[in-house]
Amino acid sequence: MNLLLDRLLGLRRGFKAGIVLGGYALALLAGMGAVALHDRIGSRVDGDASGGMAAFGDAVLFLAVAGVVAIIPSVVAVLFLAGRRASRHSRRS
């Protein structure tokens, strides 16, 4: 695990940003996929009778799935920033 972290911290800054932004893009795609799957599987009778409530439910589902998946790139970003700060402090000594 430490070897993987050392390799990730040694990457160029642009590549690190790409990893984090790609993770957020995947989180958005996961949220949209969950809503699309729910729409395909779910009953349209409820959505036709009360469209606003169905739309709100879709929004909550999207935010829940995207929010949980977005934890991963957020943790990676924090590790990148903490590693950069730690390496900067170790150079001063």
C-alpha atoms as a PDB file:
ATOM      1  CA  MET A   1       0.000   0.000   0.000  1.00  0.00           C
ATOM      2  CA  ASN A   2       2.808   2.375   0.856  1.00  0.00           C
ATOM      3  CA  LEU A   3       4.541   1.596  -2.453  1.00  0.00           C
ATOM      4  CA  LEU A   4       1.384   2.498  -4.384  1.00  0.00           C
ATOM      5  CA  LEU A   5       1.041   5.749  -2.448  1.00  0.00           C
ATOM      6  CA  ASP A   6       4.678   6.621  -3.130  1.00  0.00           C
ATOM      7  CA  ARG A   7       4.164   6.006  -6.846  1.00  0.00           C
ATOM      8  CA  LEU A   8       1.015   8.130  -6.925  1.00  0.00           C
ATOM      9  CA  LEU A   9       2.726  10.978  -5.102  1.00  0.00           C
ATOM     10  CA  GLY A  10       5.577  10.889  -7.623  1.00  0.00           C
ATOM     11  CA  LEU A  11       3.303  11.629 -10.588  1.00  0.00           C
ATOM     12  CA  ARG A  12       3.288  14.974 -12.370  1.00  0.00           C
ATOM     13  CA  ARG A  13       0.840  17.616 -11.191  1.00  0.00           C
ATOM     14  CA  GLY A  14      -1.248  17.564 -14.383  1.00  0.00           C
ATOM     15  CA  PHE A  15      -1.626  13.802 -14.241  1.00  0.00           C
ATOM     16  CA  LYS A  16      -2.761  14.004 -10.606  1.00  0.00           C
ATOM     17  CA  ALA A  17      -5.353  16.614 -11.546  1.00  0.00           C
ATOM     18  CA  GLY A  18      -6.541  14.356 -14.372  1.00  0.00           C
ATOM     19  CA  ILE A  19      -6.964  11.439 -11.995  1.00  0.00           C
ATOM     20  CA  VAL A  20      -9.036  13.514  -9.570  1.00  0.00           C
ATOM     21  CA  LEU A  21     -11.159  15.186 -12.284  1.00  0.00           C
ATOM     22  CA  GLY A  22     -11.690  11.823 -13.976  1.00  0.00           C
ATOM     23  CA  GLY A  23     -12.899  10.427 -10.659  1.00  0.00           C
ATOM     24  CA  TYR A  24     -15.429  13.234 -10.337  1.00  0.00           C
ATOM     25  CA  ALA A  25     -16.567  12.628 -13.924  1.00  0.00           C
ATOM     26  CA  LEU A  26     -17.086   8.950 -13.081  1.00  0.00           C
ATOM     27  CA  ALA A  27     -19.099   9.985 -10.019  1.00  0.00           C
ATOM     28  CA  LEU A  28     -21.376  12.092 -12.216  1.00  0.00           C
ATOM     29  CA  LEU A  29     -21.754   9.234 -14.696  1.00  0.00           C
ATOM     30  CA  ALA A  30     -22.579   6.830 -11.856  1.00  0.00           C
ATOM     31  CA  GLY A  31     -25.292   9.192 -10.610  1.00  0.00           C
ATOM     32  CA  MET A  32     -26.765   9.584 -14.081  1.00  0.00           C
ATOM     33  CA  GLY A  33     -26.617   5.830 -14.606  1.00  0.00           C
ATOM     34  CA  ALA A  34     -28.445   5.172 -11.353  1.00  0.00           C
ATOM     35  CA  VAL A  35     -31.213   7.600 -12.335  1.00  0.00           C
ATOM     36  CA  ALA A  36     -31.475   6.068 -15.819  1.00  0.00           C
ATOM     37  CA  LEU A  37     -31.654   2.567 -14.350  1.00  0.00           C
ATOM     38  CA  HIS A  38     -34.278   3.651 -11.834  1.00  0.00           C
ATOM     39  CA  ASP A  39     -36.274   5.291 -14.615  1.00  0.00           C
ATOM     40  CA  ARG A  40     -36.115   2.150 -16.757  1.00  0.00           C
ATOM     41  CA  ILE A  41     -37.009  -0.238 -13.942  1.00  0.00           C
ATOM     42  CA  GLY A  42     -39.441   1.971 -12.017  1.00  0.00           C
ATOM     43  CA  SER A  43     -43.147   2.372 -12.599  1.00  0.00           C
ATOM     44  CA  ARG A  44     -44.173   5.293 -14.810  1.00  0.00           C
ATOM     45  CA  VAL A  45     -47.645   5.424 -13.263  1.00  0.00           C
ATOM     46  CA  ASP A  46     -46.285   7.141 -10.162  1.00  0.00           C
ATOM     47  CA  GLY A  47     -44.240   9.573 -12.252  1.00  0.00           C
ATOM     48  CA  ASP A  48     -47.205  10.494 -14.416  1.00  0.00           C
ATOM     49  CA  ALA A  49     -49.467  11.166 -11.450  1.00  0.00           C
ATOM     50  CA  SER A  50     -47.004  13.370  -9.564  1.00  0.00           C
ATOM     51  CA  GLY A  51     -44.165  14.412 -11.828  1.00  0.00           C
ATOM     52  CA  GLY A  52     -42.631  16.879  -9.396  1.00  0.00           C
ATOM     53  CA  MET A  53     -42.234  14.296  -6.675  1.00  0.00           C
ATOM     54  CA  ALA A  54     -40.746  11.817  -9.134  1.00  0.00           C
ATOM     55  CA  ALA A  55     -38.255  14.447 -10.334  1.00  0.00           C
ATOM     56  CA  PHE A  56     -37.287  15.240  -6.750  1.00  0.00           C
ATOM     57  CA  GLY A  57     -36.768  11.548  -6.057  1.00  0.00           C
ATOM     58  CA  ASP A  58     -34.530  11.290  -9.127  1.00  0.00           C
ATOM     59  CA  ALA A  59     -32.541  14.307  -7.929  1.00  0.00           C
ATOM     60  CA  VAL A  60     -32.068  12.789  -4.478  1.00  0.00           C
ATOM     61  CA  LEU A  61     -30.997   9.463  -6.013  1.00  0.00           C
ATOM     62  CA  PHE A  62     -28.492  11.242  -8.280  1.00  0.00           C
ATOM     63  CA  LEU A  63     -27.021  13.239  -5.400  1.00  0.00           C
ATOM     64  CA  ALA A  64     -26.797  10.190  -3.152  1.00  0.00           C
ATOM     65  CA  VAL A  65     -25.022   7.972  -5.688  1.00  0.00           C
ATOM     66  CA  ALA A  66     -22.760  10.708  -7.078  1.00  0.00           C
ATOM     67  CA  GLY A  67     -21.934  11.905  -3.569  1.00  0.00           C
ATOM     68  CA  VAL A  68     -20.902   8.474  -2.339  1.00  0.00           C
ATOM     69  CA  VAL A  69     -18.802   7.758  -5.432  1.00  0.00           C
ATOM     70  CA  ALA A  70     -17.211  11.250  -5.251  1.00  0.00           C
ATOM     71  CA  ILE A  71     -15.729  10.375  -1.867  1.00  0.00           C
ATOM     72  CA  ILE A  72     -13.025   8.361  -3.638  1.00  0.00           C
ATOM     73  CA  PRO A  73     -11.536  11.186  -5.768  1.00  0.00           C
ATOM     74  CA  SER A  74     -11.877  13.539  -2.795  1.00  0.00           C
ATOM     75  CA  VAL A  75      -9.748  11.236  -0.645  1.00  0.00           C
ATOM     76  CA  VAL A  76      -7.222  10.899  -3.480  1.00  0.00           C
ATOM     77  CA  ALA A  77      -7.045  14.695  -3.808  1.00  0.00           C
ATOM     78  CA  VAL A  78      -6.426  15.051  -0.073  1.00  0.00           C
ATOM     79  CA  LEU A  79      -3.685  12.421  -0.245  1.00  0.00           C
ATOM     80  CA  PHE A  80      -2.064  14.248  -3.151  1.00  0.00           C
ATOM     81  CA  LEU A  81      -2.173  17.561  -1.296  1.00  0.00           C
ATOM     82  CA  ALA A  82      -0.978  16.076   1.986  1.00  0.00           C
ATOM     83  CA  GLY A  83       1.855  14.251   0.227  1.00  0.00           C
ATOM     84  CA  ARG A  84       2.918  17.428  -1.525  1.00  0.00           C
ATOM     85  CA  ARG A  85       2.922  19.344   1.737  1.00  0.00           C
ATOM     86  CA  ALA A  86       4.843  16.587   3.535  1.00  0.00           C
ATOM     87  CA  SER A  87       7.471  16.439   0.796  1.00  0.00           C
ATOM     88  CA  ARG A  88       7.848  20.225   0.897  1.00  0.00           C
ATOM     89  CA  HIS A  89       8.445  20.131   4.666  1.00  0.00           C
ATOM     90  CA  SER A  90      10.933  17.282   4.393  1.00  0.00           C
ATOM     91  CA  ARG A  91      13.033  19.283   1.880  1.00  0.00           C
ATOM     92  CA  ARG A  92      13.423  22.171   4.317  1.00  0.00           C
ATOM     93  CA  SER A  93      15.023  19.982   6.993  1.00  0.00           C
END
